[in-house]
Protein backbone atom coordinates (compact mmCIF):
# COMPACT_ATOMS: atom_id res chain seq x y z
CA MET A 1 113.33 101.02 108.04
CA SER A 2 113.48 104.77 106.98
CA ASP A 3 113.77 105.67 103.29
CA ARG A 4 117.07 107.18 104.25
CA THR A 5 116.61 110.48 102.35
CA THR A 6 118.85 113.25 103.35
CA THR A 7 116.96 115.91 105.27
CA ALA A 8 118.41 119.47 104.97
CA GLU A 9 117.10 122.95 105.67
CA ALA A 10 117.33 124.78 102.33
CA THR A 11 117.70 128.51 102.39
CA SER A 12 115.89 129.40 99.11
CA ALA A 13 113.43 127.70 96.62
CA ARG A 14 114.56 127.16 93.09
CA PRO A 15 113.03 130.14 91.10
CA SER A 16 112.30 127.79 88.13
CA VAL A 17 109.77 125.83 90.12
CA PRO A 18 106.50 127.56 90.53
CA ARG A 19 104.67 127.15 93.97
CA SER A 20 101.99 124.74 92.93
CA VAL A 21 101.60 121.03 93.15
CA ARG A 22 101.74 119.88 89.53
CA PRO A 23 105.15 121.61 88.62
CA ALA A 24 106.54 120.51 92.02
CA LEU A 25 105.57 116.98 91.31
CA ALA A 26 107.28 117.28 87.77
CA ALA A 27 110.41 118.60 89.27
CA LEU A 28 110.45 115.95 92.04
CA ALA A 29 109.98 113.07 89.45
CA SER A 30 113.31 114.07 87.89
CA ALA A 31 115.18 114.38 91.09
CA GLN A 32 114.61 111.00 92.74
CA LYS A 33 117.34 109.16 94.71
CA PRO A 34 118.54 105.96 93.13
CA SER A 35 116.51 102.91 93.96
CA THR A 36 119.56 100.80 94.90
CA GLY A 37 118.89 98.27 97.58
CA ALA A 38 115.56 99.75 98.43
CA PRO A 39 112.72 97.32 99.58
CA ALA A 40 109.48 97.11 97.63
CA TYR A 41 107.12 99.29 99.89
CA SER A 42 109.83 102.05 100.24
CA ARG A 43 110.64 102.00 96.61
CA PHE A 44 107.16 101.75 94.98
CA VAL A 45 104.83 103.16 97.60
CA ASN A 46 106.44 105.38 100.22
CA ARG A 47 108.60 107.55 97.87
CA ARG A 48 105.49 108.27 95.80
CA LEU A 49 103.52 109.20 98.87
CA GLY A 50 106.53 111.25 99.94
CA ARG A 51 106.63 112.95 96.54
CA TRP A 52 103.05 114.18 96.87
CA ALA A 53 103.60 115.26 100.47
CA ALA A 54 106.76 117.08 99.46
CA ALA A 55 104.94 118.89 96.53
CA VAL A 56 102.15 119.98 98.90
CA ALA A 57 104.72 121.09 101.55
CA TYR A 58 106.51 123.07 98.87
CA THR A 59 103.24 124.81 97.63
CA VAL A 60 102.54 126.02 101.15
CA GLY A 61 106.14 127.03 101.75
CA ALA A 62 106.88 124.60 104.47
CA THR A 63 110.74 123.81 105.27
CA PRO A 64 112.18 120.24 105.42
CA ASN A 65 112.76 120.43 109.08
CA GLN A 66 109.08 121.35 109.60
CA VAL A 67 108.06 118.31 107.56
CA THR A 68 110.55 116.28 109.72
CA ALA A 69 108.77 117.58 112.75
CA VAL A 70 105.31 116.73 111.63
CA SER A 71 106.67 113.23 110.56
CA ALA A 72 107.98 112.60 114.03
CA ALA A 73 104.67 113.82 115.68
CA CYS A 74 102.75 111.37 113.60
CA THR A 75 105.13 108.38 114.12
CA PHE A 76 105.48 108.87 117.94
CA ALA A 77 101.76 109.41 118.34
CA GLY A 78 101.30 105.97 116.65
CA ILE A 79 103.87 104.29 118.87
CA ALA A 80 102.16 105.78 121.96
CA VAL A 81 98.79 104.29 120.83
CA LEU A 82 100.40 100.99 120.31
CA ALA A 83 102.08 101.08 123.76
CA LEU A 84 99.01 102.46 125.64
CA ALA A 85 95.77 101.57 123.94
CA PRO A 86 94.00 98.24 124.38
CA SER A 87 94.22 95.89 121.34
CA GLY A 88 91.32 96.25 118.78
CA VAL A 89 90.39 97.17 115.32
CA GLY A 90 90.38 100.99 116.23
CA THR A 91 93.78 100.77 117.74
CA ALA A 92 95.14 98.85 114.84
CA LEU A 93 93.88 101.32 112.29
CA ALA A 94 95.11 104.21 114.25
CA VAL A 95 98.58 102.85 114.66
CA VAL A 96 98.78 101.92 110.97
CA LEU A 97 97.52 105.36 109.77
CA LEU A 98 99.80 107.31 112.02
CA LEU A 99 102.88 105.26 111.15
CA VAL A 100 102.23 105.16 107.44
CA VAL A 101 101.76 108.91 107.52
CA GLY A 102 104.88 109.44 109.41
CA TYR A 103 106.82 107.22 107.25
CA ALA A 104 105.76 108.99 104.07
CA LEU A 105 106.66 112.34 105.46
CA ASP A 106 110.01 110.95 106.42
CA SER A 107 110.52 110.49 102.71
CA ALA A 108 109.05 113.92 101.90
CA ASP A 109 111.35 115.96 104.05
CA GLY A 110 114.48 114.96 101.88
CA GLN A 111 112.59 115.21 98.66
CA LEU A 112 111.52 118.73 99.69
CA ALA A 113 115.20 119.60 100.51
CA ARG A 114 116.32 118.61 97.10
CA LEU A 115 113.38 120.56 95.43
CA ARG A 116 114.39 123.59 97.37
CA GLY A 117 117.94 123.38 96.03
CA GLY A 118 120.12 122.36 98.92
CA GLY A 119 120.43 121.91 102.74
CA SER A 120 122.38 121.65 105.77
CA PRO A 121 124.05 118.82 107.86
CA ALA A 122 121.76 119.82 110.69
CA GLY A 123 118.74 118.67 108.75
CA GLU A 124 120.28 115.25 108.04
CA TRP A 125 121.33 114.97 111.68
CA LEU A 126 117.81 115.72 112.73
CA ASP A 127 116.39 113.13 110.32
CA HIS A 128 118.69 110.32 111.44
CA VAL A 129 118.34 111.05 115.12
CA ILE A 130 114.48 110.78 114.86
CA ASP A 131 114.76 107.68 112.64
CA ALA A 132 117.05 105.99 115.30
CA THR A 133 114.72 106.82 118.12
CA LYS A 134 111.52 105.64 116.41
CA ILE A 135 113.26 102.23 115.49
CA ALA A 136 114.37 101.63 119.02
CA VAL A 137 111.10 102.94 120.69
CA LEU A 138 108.75 101.15 118.23
CA HIS A 139 109.81 97.61 119.44
CA LEU A 140 109.70 98.81 123.11
CA ALA A 141 105.93 99.60 122.45
CA VAL A 142 105.48 96.13 121.09
CA PHE A 143 106.98 94.90 124.35
CA ALA A 144 104.75 97.00 126.55
CA SER A 145 101.64 95.83 124.53
CA TRP A 146 102.54 92.19 124.99
CA LEU A 147 103.37 92.96 128.73
CA ARG A 148 99.93 94.50 129.22
CA GLU A 149 98.07 91.78 127.26
CA PRO A 150 100.14 88.57 127.21
CA ASP A 151 97.45 86.50 125.50
CA GLY A 152 99.64 83.47 125.88
CA ARG A 153 102.88 85.11 124.79
CA GLU A 154 104.70 85.09 128.25
CA ALA A 155 107.30 83.03 126.76
CA LEU A 156 107.79 85.47 123.77
CA LEU A 157 108.27 88.63 125.77
CA ALA A 158 111.91 88.72 125.02
CA ALA A 159 111.22 88.79 121.11
CA PRO A 160 110.47 92.57 121.06
CA LEU A 161 113.75 93.36 122.93
CA VAL A 162 115.71 91.26 120.46
CA TYR A 163 114.11 92.82 117.57
CA GLN A 164 114.98 96.24 118.95
CA VAL A 165 118.71 95.19 119.11
CA VAL A 166 118.62 93.74 115.50
CA ALA A 167 116.72 96.88 114.11
CA THR A 168 119.05 99.31 115.95
CA VAL A 169 122.41 97.69 114.92
CA ALA A 170 121.02 97.42 111.33
CA PHE A 171 120.12 100.96 111.23
CA PHE A 172 123.47 102.07 112.57
CA ALA A 173 125.45 99.80 110.34
CA ILE A 174 123.56 101.04 107.29
CA VAL A 175 124.15 104.82 108.12
CA LEU A 176 127.82 104.27 109.10
CA THR A 177 128.54 102.32 105.95
CA ASP A 178 127.09 105.09 103.87
CA GLN A 179 128.97 107.62 105.74
CA LEU A 180 132.27 105.77 105.32
CA ARG A 181 131.68 105.44 101.60
CA ARG A 182 131.07 109.08 101.35
CA ALA A 183 134.23 109.83 103.29
CA GLU A 184 136.31 107.60 101.24
CA ALA A 185 134.80 108.96 97.98
CA ALA A 186 135.86 112.49 99.24
CA ARG A 187 139.44 111.24 100.36
CA THR A 188 140.17 109.68 97.11
CA GLY A 189 138.03 111.57 94.66
CA VAL A 190 136.58 108.44 93.34
CA ALA A 191 132.87 108.12 93.44
CA ALA A 192 131.39 105.58 95.74
CA PRO A 193 130.30 102.43 93.91
CA VAL A 194 126.58 102.15 92.99
CA GLY A 195 124.97 98.90 94.05
CA ARG A 196 123.82 96.59 91.13
CA ARG A 197 120.93 94.88 92.73
CA THR A 198 118.12 97.36 91.82
CA GLY A 199 115.68 95.07 90.15
CA LEU A 200 112.18 94.11 91.26
CA LEU A 201 113.09 90.67 92.41
CA TYR A 202 115.65 92.13 94.91
CA SER A 203 113.22 94.77 96.11
CA LEU A 204 110.66 91.98 96.72
CA ALA A 205 113.29 89.83 98.40
CA VAL A 206 114.31 92.25 100.96
CA VAL A 207 110.81 93.64 101.75
CA PRO A 208 110.79 91.87 105.17
CA THR A 209 113.48 94.48 106.10
CA ASP A 210 111.15 97.35 105.03
CA TYR A 211 109.98 99.63 107.92
CA GLY A 212 106.97 100.26 105.77
CA LEU A 213 105.91 96.60 105.87
CA MET A 214 106.38 96.69 109.62
CA CYS A 215 104.03 99.60 109.75
CA LEU A 216 101.46 97.77 107.78
CA ALA A 217 101.75 94.55 109.91
CA PHE A 218 100.27 96.53 112.84
CA VAL A 219 96.84 96.25 111.11
CA LEU A 220 96.81 92.68 112.60
CA LEU A 221 96.91 94.01 116.30
CA ALA A 222 93.15 93.32 116.33
CA TRP A 223 93.99 89.61 115.89
CA PRO A 224 96.95 88.88 118.36
CA PRO A 225 97.83 85.42 117.18
CA ALA A 226 98.17 86.67 113.62
CA PHE A 227 100.12 89.66 114.57
CA THR A 228 102.49 87.36 116.80
CA VAL A 229 103.19 85.06 113.88
CA VAL A 230 104.04 87.97 111.47
CA TYR A 231 105.97 89.75 113.97
CA LEU A 232 108.24 86.79 114.77
CA ALA A 233 108.60 85.95 111.06
CA LEU A 234 109.84 89.51 110.45
CA LEU A 235 112.18 89.28 113.30
CA VAL A 236 113.60 86.12 111.81
CA ALA A 237 114.00 87.61 108.45
CA ASN A 238 115.44 90.74 109.70
CA THR A 239 118.08 88.79 111.79
CA GLY A 240 118.93 86.68 108.82
CA TYR A 241 119.49 89.65 106.66
CA LEU A 242 121.78 91.44 109.29
CA VAL A 243 123.84 88.30 109.74
CA LEU A 244 124.45 88.12 105.94
CA ALA A 245 125.04 91.85 105.46
CA LEU A 246 127.39 92.85 108.22
CA PRO A 247 130.18 90.59 106.85
CA LYS A 248 129.52 91.81 103.31
CA TRP A 249 129.74 95.51 104.34
CA PHE A 250 132.94 94.99 106.39
CA ARG A 251 134.68 93.13 103.49
CA GLU A 252 133.59 95.84 101.08
CA LEU A 253 135.00 98.66 103.26
CA ARG A 254 138.18 96.74 104.18
CA SER A 255 138.75 96.05 100.51
CA ALA A 256 138.13 99.67 99.49
CA THR A 257 140.41 101.29 102.08
CA PRO A 258 142.52 98.80 103.93
CA ALA A 259 144.77 101.43 105.35
CA SER A 260 142.14 103.78 106.75
CA ILE A 261 138.78 102.02 106.98
CA GLY A 262 137.94 98.82 108.85
CA SER A 263 140.46 99.48 111.67
CA LYS A 264 140.34 101.85 114.64
CA PRO A 265 142.56 104.95 114.43
């Protein structure tokens, strides 16, 4: 899944940060989001790639929304290659490269917004809409690929469609839970609680839910049986995570605001 950075179009750069890569990197290093709940790839790899991309974007005067647009272009190009190109080493490498770059830029847009000193709800909206689209379309591309080249997977054609449902529900639930926490914090004036499970072991335990790991898994497209096994294993892991997480989030919100959250108005 996405790194969930808040994308926002800033109006002016911080005057204290010179427009060069090294000072921008130093400023970004001290302005990182908490690592609460972040899977290992997003936490240790993607955010660092995004930090470099944000520093370069800041140096050339790019805006967060422009970075978001480039991220979307790379991501959807990778998805198109996955859906349309025949399986092979070249296809696998192209898909992985485009998706990994797109994901790094997805982290960079929010980091750039923070470096520039502010943003807008429109930027965050744009980021989330693109994330929701790519999560849904990615698994449709896998379905199209399997439909075109079954390779004995005729009985498994429903798997990408199930994965699409699981990924879409998970993304929506994570974003909605975060928004409800923010709304409750604003209503009560009490800061939203910060998760406790931020250690290395937790990051490794939830790595199957990491969108970045999904991006890397496409390197196996050149070996369809191996990719099928890994893809199904990720589907099972993500389904299990969602089954455990949904009741937890519901109980958390109901406990925090029994009168205003957890029931329809």
